[in-house]
Amino acid sequence: MTLKPPFRIALSAALAVLVLVPTTALAGKPGGGRSCTRSAPSVSAENTWAWASTGSWGMSSQRLSYQIRLVNNDVGCSSSNFVVSLSAPSGFSVSIPTNTLSLKSTTQGYLWAYVTSPAGIADGDYPLALTVQRGGTTDPAVSSTTYYKVYSSDTVGPTLFWPNPGDGQTIAGRSYNVVVSANDDHAVKQIDIYIDNVYRSTSLCDDISYNCHAAYTWTTATGQHTATFEAQDWMGNVSVMTVNFTVG
């Protein structure tokens, strides 16, 4: 059936109404119609010197690295910029090279802060106050606390664990990822790997945790071999682990 001009005009007008109604209804809603729920962000330091204990061990005048975890708890909103700050007791030096982070809703990101204790400071736990605020707003700042744990003596070496290959193990393949882990009552400084008494690699441990991990990709050779791991803490205490293994 062929529509006459009046019907074509009426149909076009009806379509125009159908198109305009949802567009008008969505006006003013963030995210193209999705609801936006703003929530306070979360901020914390990822440093843990032991399970469920926050802070990092450091000696007088030592610079420690703090990994800062920031979480945007908004739901269905556009991205927000967050500004992070860290304050320390008098005499401490604090540096946050990048203190602003843009995050989408329900996502997280990380920043780095560097803290140096003053020379000659007494042993003890010194609080570091973290704060985060949504940029360009007057929203209240959110805070949390971590610690710089000053120590001046340590006679216990690191503990080595989870070697791979393990003692007595038989492995195969043209190459093998030789790994080991270590922890310390204060902090591990480095782990050295030797294979068949030949030095292979050194892994320097970031001072963000009392745990440290080392890995070395070794080109295998058939026969019996040894892997020796040496872990050292910041006071020079050394622990050694040796495993015997076979390449089949």
C-alpha atoms as a PDB file:
ATOM      1  CA  MET A   1       0.000   0.000   0.000  1.00  0.00           C
ATOM      2  CA  THR A   2       1.341   3.417  -0.853  1.00  0.00           C
ATOM      3  CA  LEU A   3       1.010   6.053   1.892  1.00  0.00           C
ATOM      4  CA  LYS A   4      -0.303   9.405   0.882  1.00  0.00           C
ATOM      5  CA  PRO A   5       1.668  12.490   1.943  1.00  0.00           C
ATOM      6  CA  PRO A   6      -0.402  13.232   5.100  1.00  0.00           C
ATOM      7  CA  PHE A   7       0.269   9.739   6.463  1.00  0.00           C
ATOM      8  CA  ARG A   8       3.986   9.987   5.765  1.00  0.00           C
ATOM      9  CA  ILE A   9       4.150  13.258   7.728  1.00  0.00           C
ATOM     10  CA  ALA A  10       2.258  11.752  10.667  1.00  0.00           C
ATOM     11  CA  LEU A  11       4.496   8.679  10.744  1.00  0.00           C
ATOM     12  CA  SER A  12       7.662  10.808  10.684  1.00  0.00           C
ATOM     13  CA  ALA A  13       6.370  12.901  13.555  1.00  0.00           C
ATOM     14  CA  ALA A  14       5.595   9.785  15.584  1.00  0.00           C
ATOM     15  CA  LEU A  15       9.097   8.428  15.033  1.00  0.00           C
ATOM     16  CA  ALA A  16      10.594  11.738  16.093  1.00  0.00           C
ATOM     17  CA  VAL A  17       8.669  11.546  19.362  1.00  0.00           C
ATOM     18  CA  LEU A  18       9.912   7.992  19.974  1.00  0.00           C
ATOM     19  CA  VAL A  19      13.514   9.073  19.482  1.00  0.00           C
ATOM     20  CA  LEU A  20      13.288  12.181  21.634  1.00  0.00           C
ATOM     21  CA  VAL A  21      11.603  10.597  24.646  1.00  0.00           C
ATOM     22  CA  PRO A  22      14.512   8.363  25.815  1.00  0.00           C
ATOM     23  CA  THR A  23      17.061  11.068  25.041  1.00  0.00           C
ATOM     24  CA  THR A  24      15.207  13.525  27.258  1.00  0.00           C
ATOM     25  CA  ALA A  25      14.747  10.932  29.991  1.00  0.00           C
ATOM     26  CA  LEU A  26      18.514  10.272  30.170  1.00  0.00           C
ATOM     27  CA  ALA A  27      19.529  13.898  30.436  1.00  0.00           C
ATOM     28  CA  GLY A  28      21.504  14.663  33.574  1.00  0.00           C
ATOM     29  CA  LYS A  29      22.308  11.034  34.483  1.00  0.00           C
ATOM     30  CA  PRO A  30      26.052  10.285  34.779  1.00  0.00           C
ATOM     31  CA  GLY A  31      27.453   7.431  32.732  1.00  0.00           C
ATOM     32  CA  GLY A  32      24.797   7.413  30.046  1.00  0.00           C
ATOM     33  CA  GLY A  33      21.912   6.399  32.309  1.00  0.00           C
ATOM     34  CA  ARG A  34      23.800   4.346  34.932  1.00  0.00           C
ATOM     35  CA  SER A  35      23.368   5.387  38.540  1.00  0.00           C
ATOM     36  CA  CYS A  36      26.459   6.794  40.246  1.00  0.00           C
ATOM     37  CA  THR A  37      27.149   6.034  43.900  1.00  0.00           C
ATOM     38  CA  ARG A  38      30.036   7.960  45.432  1.00  0.00           C
ATOM     39  CA  SER A  39      31.915   6.373  48.326  1.00  0.00           C
ATOM     40  CA  ALA A  40      34.977   7.365  50.295  1.00  0.00           C
ATOM     41  CA  PRO A  41      38.226   5.917  48.868  1.00  0.00           C
ATOM     42  CA  SER A  42      40.569   3.599  50.790  1.00  0.00           C
ATOM     43  CA  VAL A  43      44.308   4.043  51.311  1.00  0.00           C
ATOM     44  CA  SER A  44      46.870   1.764  52.939  1.00  0.00           C
ATOM     45  CA  ALA A  45      50.559   0.856  52.896  1.00  0.00           C
ATOM     46  CA  GLU A  46      51.333  -2.603  51.560  1.00  0.00           C
ATOM     47  CA  ASN A  47      54.419  -2.945  53.781  1.00  0.00           C
ATOM     48  CA  THR A  48      54.154  -5.857  56.178  1.00  0.00           C
ATOM     49  CA  TRP A  49      57.109  -6.954  58.272  1.00  0.00           C
ATOM     50  CA  ALA A  50      55.052  -9.940  59.468  1.00  0.00           C
ATOM     51  CA  TRP A  51      51.552 -11.251  58.944  1.00  0.00           C
ATOM     52  CA  ALA A  52      48.865  -8.743  59.982  1.00  0.00           C
ATOM     53  CA  SER A  53      51.497  -6.214  61.095  1.00  0.00           C
ATOM     54  CA  THR A  54      51.963  -3.001  59.171  1.00  0.00           C
ATOM     55  CA  GLY A  55      55.236  -1.125  58.815  1.00  0.00           C
ATOM     56  CA  SER A  56      58.810  -1.593  57.646  1.00  0.00           C
ATOM     57  CA  TRP A  57      62.034  -2.120  59.564  1.00  0.00           C
ATOM     58  CA  GLY A  58      64.784   0.412  58.910  1.00  0.00           C
ATOM     59  CA  MET A  59      68.050   1.542  60.414  1.00  0.00           C
ATOM     60  CA  SER A  60      69.010   5.070  61.358  1.00  0.00           C
ATOM     61  CA  SER A  61      69.238   7.266  58.210  1.00  0.00           C
ATOM     62  CA  GLN A  62      68.089   4.411  55.916  1.00  0.00           C
ATOM     63  CA  ARG A  63      65.640   5.216  53.122  1.00  0.00           C
ATOM     64  CA  LEU A  64      62.654   2.866  52.950  1.00  0.00           C
ATOM     65  CA  SER A  65      60.187   2.420  50.090  1.00  0.00           C
ATOM     66  CA  TYR A  66      56.472   2.296  50.899  1.00  0.00           C
ATOM     67  CA  GLN A  67      54.016   0.939  48.349  1.00  0.00           C
ATOM     68  CA  ILE A  68      50.732   2.823  48.736  1.00  0.00           C
ATOM     69  CA  ARG A  69      47.517   1.070  47.693  1.00  0.00           C
ATOM     70  CA  LEU A  70      44.607   3.305  46.711  1.00  0.00           C
ATOM     71  CA  VAL A  71      41.070   2.023  46.036  1.00  0.00           C
ATOM     72  CA  ASN A  72      38.240   3.947  44.347  1.00  0.00           C
ATOM     73  CA  ASN A  73      35.089   2.620  46.014  1.00  0.00           C
ATOM     74  CA  ASP A  74      32.686   4.497  43.716  1.00  0.00           C
ATOM     75  CA  VAL A  75      30.151   2.453  41.742  1.00  0.00           C
ATOM     76  CA  GLY A  76      29.018   3.423  38.236  1.00  0.00           C
ATOM     77  CA  CYS A  77      30.724   6.821  38.271  1.00  0.00           C
ATOM     78  CA  SER A  78      33.245   8.449  35.995  1.00  0.00           C
ATOM     79  CA  SER A  79      36.942   8.413  36.889  1.00  0.00           C
ATOM     80  CA  SER A  80      38.197  10.534  39.769  1.00  0.00           C
ATOM     81  CA  ASN A  81      41.576  12.003  40.628  1.00  0.00           C
ATOM     82  CA  PHE A  82      42.857  11.303  44.123  1.00  0.00           C
ATOM     83  CA  VAL A  83      45.635  13.124  45.958  1.00  0.00           C
ATOM     84  CA  VAL A  84      47.766  11.173  48.450  1.00  0.00           C
ATOM     85  CA  SER A  85      49.947  12.626  51.190  1.00  0.00           C
ATOM     86  CA  LEU A  86      52.122  11.132  53.922  1.00  0.00           C
ATOM     87  CA  SER A  87      53.326  12.836  57.086  1.00  0.00           C
ATOM     88  CA  ALA A  88      56.092  11.628  59.409  1.00  0.00           C
ATOM     89  CA  PRO A  89      57.540  12.676  62.779  1.00  0.00           C
ATOM     90  CA  SER A  90      59.932  15.595  62.976  1.00  0.00           C
ATOM     91  CA  GLY A  91      63.331  14.871  61.429  1.00  0.00           C
ATOM     92  CA  PHE A  92      62.069  12.292  58.936  1.00  0.00           C
ATOM     93  CA  SER A  93      62.323  13.007  55.224  1.00  0.00           C
ATOM     94  CA  VAL A  94      59.342  12.111  53.000  1.00  0.00           C
ATOM     95  CA  SER A  95      59.162  12.019  49.206  1.00  0.00           C
ATOM     96  CA  ILE A  96      56.200  11.059  46.997  1.00  0.00           C
ATOM     97  CA  PRO A  97      57.339  11.635  43.388  1.00  0.00           C
ATOM     98  CA  THR A  98      53.793  11.175  42.036  1.00  0.00           C
ATOM     99  CA  ASN A  99      51.056  11.909  44.536  1.00  0.00           C
ATOM    100  CA  THR A 100      48.010  12.001  42.223  1.00  0.00           C
ATOM    101  CA  LEU A 101      46.267   8.980  40.743  1.00  0.00           C
ATOM    102  CA  SER A 102      43.240   8.755  38.417  1.00  0.00           C
ATOM    103  CA  LEU A 103      41.051   5.705  39.017  1.00  0.00           C
ATOM    104  CA  LYS A 104      37.835   4.378  37.527  1.00  0.00           C
ATOM    105  CA  SER A 105      35.046   3.171  39.791  1.00  0.00           C
ATOM    106  CA  THR A 106      35.781  -0.037  41.743  1.00  0.00           C
ATOM    107  CA  THR A 107      39.455  -0.091  40.663  1.00  0.00           C
ATOM    108  CA  GLN A 108      42.724   0.250  42.549  1.00  0.00           C
ATOM    109  CA  GLY A 109      46.186   1.609  41.853  1.00  0.00           C
ATOM    110  CA  TYR A 110      49.568   2.066  43.509  1.00  0.00           C
ATOM    111  CA  LEU A 111      51.929   4.922  44.320  1.00  0.00           C
ATOM    112  CA  TRP A 112      55.372   4.949  45.927  1.00  0.00           C
ATOM    113  CA  ALA A 113      56.488   6.944  48.940  1.00  0.00           C
ATOM    114  CA  TYR A 114      60.067   7.129  50.233  1.00  0.00           C
ATOM    115  CA  VAL A 115      60.860   7.805  53.876  1.00  0.00           C
ATOM    116  CA  THR A 116      64.311   8.392  55.436  1.00  0.00           C
ATOM    117  CA  SER A 117      64.828   8.382  59.191  1.00  0.00           C
ATOM    118  CA  PRO A 118      67.152  10.912  60.860  1.00  0.00           C
ATOM    119  CA  ALA A 119      70.677   9.930  61.887  1.00  0.00           C
ATOM    120  CA  GLY A 120      71.059   8.786  65.468  1.00  0.00           C
ATOM    121  CA  ILE A 121      67.369   8.193  66.045  1.00  0.00           C
ATOM    122  CA  ALA A 122      66.410   5.836  68.875  1.00  0.00           C
ATOM    123  CA  ASP A 123      64.959   2.384  68.226  1.00  0.00           C
ATOM    124  CA  GLY A 124      61.192   2.306  68.132  1.00  0.00           C
ATOM    125  CA  ASP A 125      58.044   2.401  65.982  1.00  0.00           C
ATOM    126  CA  TYR A 126      57.430   5.795  64.373  1.00  0.00           C
ATOM    127  CA  PRO A 127      53.953   6.403  62.890  1.00  0.00           C
ATOM    128  CA  LEU A 128      53.491   7.525  59.296  1.00  0.00           C
ATOM    129  CA  ALA A 129      50.072   9.023  58.552  1.00  0.00           C
ATOM    130  CA  LEU A 130      48.614   8.420  55.095  1.00  0.00           C
ATOM    131  CA  THR A 131      45.757  10.535  53.748  1.00  0.00           C
ATOM    132  CA  VAL A 132      43.833  10.584  50.468  1.00  0.00           C
ATOM    133  CA  GLN A 133      41.335  13.130  49.185  1.00  0.00           C
ATOM    134  CA  ARG A 134      39.281  13.321  46.026  1.00  0.00           C
ATOM    135  CA  GLY A 135      40.807  16.043  43.863  1.00  0.00           C
ATOM    136  CA  GLY A 136      38.846  19.221  43.188  1.00  0.00           C
ATOM    137  CA  THR A 137      36.353  18.566  45.997  1.00  0.00           C
ATOM    138  CA  THR A 138      35.864  19.362  49.650  1.00  0.00           C
ATOM    139  CA  ASP A 139      35.210  15.713  50.517  1.00  0.00           C
ATOM    140  CA  PRO A 140      36.694  14.707  53.870  1.00  0.00           C
ATOM    141  CA  ALA A 141      40.151  13.127  53.682  1.00  0.00           C
ATOM    142  CA  VAL A 142      40.492   9.418  54.459  1.00  0.00           C
ATOM    143  CA  SER A 143      43.494   8.285  56.512  1.00  0.00           C
ATOM    144  CA  SER A 144      45.408   5.232  57.705  1.00  0.00           C
ATOM    145  CA  THR A 145      48.632   4.637  59.617  1.00  0.00           C
ATOM    146  CA  THR A 146      51.768   2.615  58.949  1.00  0.00           C
ATOM    147  CA  TYR A 147      55.150   2.645  60.717  1.00  0.00           C
ATOM    148  CA  TYR A 148      58.860   3.138  60.252  1.00  0.00           C
ATOM    149  CA  LYS A 149      60.324   0.607  62.709  1.00  0.00           C
ATOM    150  CA  VAL A 150      63.853   1.691  63.653  1.00  0.00           C
ATOM    151  CA  TYR A 151      66.316  -0.978  64.848  1.00  0.00           C
ATOM    152  CA  SER A 152      70.047  -0.916  65.587  1.00  0.00           C
ATOM    153  CA  SER A 153      70.918  -4.570  66.259  1.00  0.00           C
ATOM    154  CA  ASP A 154      70.127  -7.929  64.683  1.00  0.00           C
ATOM    155  CA  THR A 155      71.933 -11.243  65.063  1.00  0.00           C
ATOM    156  CA  VAL A 156      69.489 -13.563  63.273  1.00  0.00           C
ATOM    157  CA  GLY A 157      70.005 -14.422  59.606  1.00  0.00           C
ATOM    158  CA  PRO A 158      67.183 -14.801  57.075  1.00  0.00           C
ATOM    159  CA  THR A 159      65.253 -18.042  56.676  1.00  0.00           C
ATOM    160  CA  LEU A 160      65.396 -19.654  53.210  1.00  0.00           C
ATOM    161  CA  PHE A 161      62.443 -21.719  52.001  1.00  0.00           C
ATOM    162  CA  TRP A 162      60.599 -23.058  48.938  1.00  0.00           C
ATOM    163  CA  PRO A 163      63.666 -23.897  46.820  1.00  0.00           C
ATOM    164  CA  ASN A 164      62.986 -25.104  43.291  1.00  0.00           C
ATOM    165  CA  PRO A 165      64.339 -27.558  42.349  1.00  0.00           C
ATOM    166  CA  GLY A 166      63.951 -29.229  45.705  1.00  0.00           C
ATOM    167  CA  ASP A 167      66.539 -31.443  47.327  1.00  0.00           C
ATOM    168  CA  GLY A 168      66.635 -34.832  45.593  1.00  0.00           C
ATOM    169  CA  GLN A 169      64.388 -33.715  42.730  1.00  0.00           C
ATOM    170  CA  THR A 170      64.851 -34.790  39.099  1.00  0.00           C
ATOM    171  CA  ILE A 171      64.095 -32.154  36.484  1.00  0.00           C
ATOM    172  CA  ALA A 172      64.007 -32.054  32.679  1.00  0.00           C
ATOM    173  CA  GLY A 173      64.101 -29.534  29.852  1.00  0.00           C
ATOM    174  CA  ARG A 174      66.645 -27.343  28.136  1.00  0.00           C
ATOM    175  CA  SER A 175      66.211 -24.579  30.721  1.00  0.00           C
ATOM    176  CA  TYR A 176      64.872 -24.383  34.245  1.00  0.00           C
ATOM    177  CA  ASN A 177      63.702 -21.545  36.449  1.00  0.00           C
ATOM    178  CA  VAL A 178      65.700 -21.901  39.675  1.00  0.00           C
ATOM    179  CA  VAL A 179      63.911 -20.062  42.482  1.00  0.00           C
ATOM    180  CA  VAL A 180      63.973 -19.610  46.242  1.00  0.00           C
ATOM    181  CA  SER A 181      62.320 -17.424  48.879  1.00  0.00           C
ATOM    182  CA  ALA A 182      63.555 -15.935  52.134  1.00  0.00           C
ATOM    183  CA  ASN A 183      62.179 -13.957  55.045  1.00  0.00           C
ATOM    184  CA  ASP A 184      63.738 -12.263  58.031  1.00  0.00           C
ATOM    185  CA  ASP A 185      62.744 -11.003  61.453  1.00  0.00           C
ATOM    186  CA  HIS A 186      63.586  -7.536  60.090  1.00  0.00           C
ATOM    187  CA  ALA A 187      64.281  -7.356  56.344  1.00  0.00           C
ATOM    188  CA  VAL A 188      66.113  -9.370  53.682  1.00  0.00           C
ATOM    189  CA  LYS A 189      68.637  -7.333  51.689  1.00  0.00           C
ATOM    190  CA  GLN A 190      69.578  -9.749  48.901  1.00  0.00           C
ATOM    191  CA  ILE A 191      69.663 -13.373  47.739  1.00  0.00           C
ATOM    192  CA  ASP A 192      72.539 -14.868  45.728  1.00  0.00           C
ATOM    193  CA  ILE A 193      72.169 -18.009  43.603  1.00  0.00           C
ATOM    194  CA  TYR A 194      75.032 -20.422  42.829  1.00  0.00           C
ATOM    195  CA  ILE A 195      74.793 -23.535  40.668  1.00  0.00           C
ATOM    196  CA  ASP A 196      77.564 -26.113  40.975  1.00  0.00           C
ATOM    197  CA  ASN A 197      79.456 -23.556  43.119  1.00  0.00           C
ATOM    198  CA  VAL A 198      79.448 -21.016  40.287  1.00  0.00           C
ATOM    199  CA  TYR A 199      77.866 -17.624  40.992  1.00  0.00           C
ATOM    200  CA  ARG A 200      74.812 -17.035  38.793  1.00  0.00           C
ATOM    201  CA  SER A 201      72.737 -14.077  39.981  1.00  0.00           C
ATOM    202  CA  THR A 202      71.813 -11.656  42.772  1.00  0.00           C
ATOM    203  CA  SER A 203      68.304 -10.490  43.571  1.00  0.00           C
ATOM    204  CA  LEU A 204      68.108  -7.226  45.506  1.00  0.00           C
ATOM    205  CA  CYS A 205      65.109  -7.123  47.807  1.00  0.00           C
ATOM    206  CA  ASP A 206      62.811  -4.118  47.834  1.00  0.00           C
ATOM    207  CA  ASP A 207      62.331  -2.907  51.371  1.00  0.00           C
ATOM    208  CA  ILE A 208      58.549  -3.152  51.219  1.00  0.00           C
ATOM    209  CA  SER A 209      58.268  -6.507  52.945  1.00  0.00           C
ATOM    210  CA  TYR A 210      60.164  -8.934  55.118  1.00  0.00           C
ATOM    211  CA  ASN A 211      59.759 -11.489  52.283  1.00  0.00           C
ATOM    212  CA  CYS A 212      62.071 -11.704  49.281  1.00  0.00           C
ATOM    213  CA  HIS A 213      62.084 -13.925  46.196  1.00  0.00           C
ATOM    214  CA  ALA A 214      64.901 -14.770  43.774  1.00  0.00           C
ATOM    215  CA  ALA A 215      64.860 -16.487  40.382  1.00  0.00           C
ATOM    216  CA  TYR A 216      67.409 -17.446  37.737  1.00  0.00           C
ATOM    217  CA  THR A 217      66.792 -19.119  34.368  1.00  0.00           C
ATOM    218  CA  TRP A 218      69.460 -21.805  34.047  1.00  0.00           C
ATOM    219  CA  THR A 219      70.461 -23.651  30.860  1.00  0.00           C
ATOM    220  CA  THR A 220      70.441 -27.237  32.045  1.00  0.00           C
ATOM    221  CA  ALA A 221      73.070 -29.956  31.661  1.00  0.00           C
ATOM    222  CA  THR A 222      72.398 -33.669  32.131  1.00  0.00           C
ATOM    223  CA  GLY A 223      73.666 -35.160  35.381  1.00  0.00           C
ATOM    224  CA  GLN A 224      73.812 -34.362  39.104  1.00  0.00           C
ATOM    225  CA  HIS A 225      74.043 -30.752  40.289  1.00  0.00           C
ATOM    226  CA  THR A 226      73.831 -28.512  43.340  1.00  0.00           C
ATOM    227  CA  ALA A 227      72.062 -25.200  43.820  1.00  0.00           C
ATOM    228  CA  THR A 228      73.231 -23.005  46.666  1.00  0.00           C
ATOM    229  CA  PHE A 229      71.209 -20.045  47.936  1.00  0.00           C
ATOM    230  CA  GLU A 230      72.611 -17.323  50.185  1.00  0.00           C
ATOM    231  CA  ALA A 231      70.332 -14.763  51.836  1.00  0.00           C
ATOM    232  CA  GLN A 232      71.681 -11.689  53.608  1.00  0.00           C
ATOM    233  CA  ASP A 233      69.923  -9.160  55.830  1.00  0.00           C
ATOM    234  CA  TRP A 234      70.794  -5.478  56.275  1.00  0.00           C
ATOM    235  CA  MET A 235      73.018  -6.233  59.270  1.00  0.00           C
ATOM    236  CA  GLY A 236      75.196  -8.620  57.267  1.00  0.00           C
ATOM    237  CA  ASN A 237      73.811 -11.857  58.715  1.00  0.00           C
ATOM    238  CA  VAL A 238      73.985 -14.613  56.065  1.00  0.00           C
ATOM    239  CA  SER A 239      72.053 -17.871  55.771  1.00  0.00           C
ATOM    240  CA  VAL A 240      72.855 -20.651  53.273  1.00  0.00           C
ATOM    241  CA  MET A 241      70.800 -23.471  51.775  1.00  0.00           C
ATOM    242  CA  THR A 242      72.117 -26.118  49.362  1.00  0.00           C
ATOM    243  CA  VAL A 243      70.015 -28.617  47.422  1.00  0.00           C
ATOM    244  CA  ASN A 244      71.140 -31.573  45.294  1.00  0.00           C
ATOM    245  CA  PHE A 245      69.169 -32.365  42.155  1.00  0.00           C
ATOM    246  CA  THR A 246      69.438 -34.298  38.903  1.00  0.00           C
ATOM    247  CA  VAL A 247      68.793 -33.296  35.305  1.00  0.00           C
ATOM    248  CA  GLY A 248      67.374 -36.324  33.474  1.00  0.00           C
END
